[in-house]
Each structure stands twice: as structure tokens, then as C-alpha cells.
Amino acid sequence: MKLNRRIILSLAAAAMMGAALPATAQEWPNGPVTLVVPWSAGGGTDATARMIGTLLEKELGVPVPVVNRTGGSGVIGHSAIAEAAPDGQTIGVATLEIGSMHTLGLTDLTYKSYTPIGLYNSDPAAIFVRADAGYDDVKALLSALSAAPDREFKASGSAQGGVNHLALAGMLLAAGLPVERVAWVPSEGAAPGLQDLAAGGVQIATASLPEAAALMSAGLIKPLAVFAEARLDAAPDLPTFTEASGHAFALGSWRGIVAPAGLPADIAGTLGDAMGKVVNHPEYLAFMKERGYATQWTAAGDFEAFMEASDAALAQSLKAVGLAKQ
């Protein structure tokens, strides 16, 4: 059967138009949706991402593999998300550090480098020592720090300028101590920093309670206070830093799902709807409650406004501790 030239040309044109259609008009997802985590396996960001990935697979009907892209104090993983094609096949977890990395001069990335999908978690940091350290409370630790020369004590729990570093610096400043009093040992996330504390490589660590749960249960480390405005429901016997020390200070980390900037609106909407179901799934809520992670869902535009405010606050804090490069 022969087709005349006009029909052939029409079919060819239609095929070319179909190939050129933007992602918004094509079926999505088109294969696995990779979920990039900028921090190491075993930490809180990794744990929550893996639960989200498992449930998101059911909502999207495709595999959602979690890939840890660590290094560069969070820059490598956050860059991997921002530099991916804005087609919805690569998404990731952005953390508070996205508001500090550019101020530290590590990258040009900011919250504007992403399409915000939604904020799903925000947890205050806590201060930890080894279980056998001999400090019964924060006042005892601050007394030891006051008497020690600069950098005799070492601490860890995040990258340089990360939330846990800023938590320690903020604590020192609130107590009237110089930030140089404690040497910060950078780590690729809370997990390796806490392990360093348990092994005796550092004397102090800052991280969220859920991130430290395993080592606390093993009796290797203990929290002295939490940098929250009020005591946590998950740990009602643990005092806030303010009430335990008499110095006002609070700070916490956050985690949210983002995609590269320029993601088509309909894909962003579909992804947001799927995530809205994930964060209300009984399995997810049970997982978060069991591990003591706070739950919330701040979607799209409100999440972008949240990131903008966080960015400004972190810039102010980093300037105060002399770490700002921009």
C-alpha cells in the first residue's frame, strides 16, 4: 500500500512535533525517579529519604532509588540535584545547609536553584557528650569550656558552617565564650560525627535526637540539652539549653523535597500531590514518630518563602561567627 507524499509529510511533521513537545505534555514519570541525598547513609536525612522513597514508589508506580552523593560539605549532592535535567526524573532532599553554603563561599547555589516541592521535617539540634564524660548537665560542660584553652575541646556533627556547627557556635556565643574555644571537626553529616564522639575522637557532638538514637540506646553517648524553644514531646525529661544554662538560644535543621529549577508546573504539581499523600501515610507517620522526627508539610510557594527566610537568618549567623565569605 502506497501513501501519497502529502500524507507522508504530514506524518513526519506530527512525529517531529511529538518529539519536540515539552515535558509537561508527555507522560511522567518516564522510568525511575532518582532521589538524591546530599549526606551520608545512616544519618537522619538518609533515613527519612529512604522511607519517603519507599512510599513514593507506590504513589508514582515507578522505582524511586535513593542515591547518596556526599562530599564538599553538602555541595556535591545539592549540585547533583540542581544540575539534573528539569524533567522530574531526578529530585532530592535539600537541607538547611543550602542556605549557608553560598554564604561560606563554597558554591553559588541558593534556594533559587531549585523547584520547591515541600518541607517535610524540622528538628532542633541537641548537644551530646560521651556517656562516661563526667558532665551531668550543660552548666558543667560550659564550666569546663570556660576553663579550657582555645581548641583543647573538639566537636563534630556536620560540615563546616552546617546547622550542627552553627548550633555549637551559637551555644558558645550565647554563653559568652569565643567560637574558637572549641575546634570544629567537619563531617559529612551527623552520623560520622556522632560515631567520632562515641570513639573518643571528639569530646562534643551536636545533632538531632533521632540521629543519635542508636548510640544513645547503646549507652555510648548522652544528650545534655536540646536547642529548642520548649521541651520535646519525644524527650520530656531533656531540658532545653535555655532552661538548663540560663542562656537563650535555639536552632534546628530542616529537610525538604526539591527538584531542579525549571521543572514544568504540572510535573511539580503531580509530585507535590504524591508527596502530600506520602507524608500523611500511616507507615510514614509511624516511622517518624518511632524515631522522634517532627512531621509537617509545607508545600511549594510556602516552602520557598521558608527557604528564603532561612537563608537570610543563616547569613546573619555566619557573619556573627566570622564564617561568611559573601
Foldseek 3Di string as FASTA:
>chain_A
DDDDPVVVVVVVVVVVVVVPDDLVPDDPPPAAAEEEEAFDPLFPQNVLVVLLQVLLCVLRVHHYHYDYQYDLQSCRRVVVQLPDPLNRSYKYKDKLCLLVCVQLVSDPGHLLQWQFFKWWFKFFKFKKFWLPPPDQAPVSVVVVLVPAAFAPFEAEFGAVLDQFLLQQCQLQVLVVHASRSYHYDHDRGRQVRLVCRLVPVGGMYMGGQLSCVVVVVVRTMDTRATQDPAAAPLCNPHHHPCVRPVGRGITIMTMGMIGGPPNDPVSSVSSSVSSVCSLVDPVSVVVCVVSVTDTDIDGGPRVSVVSVVSSVVSSVSCVVNPSGPD
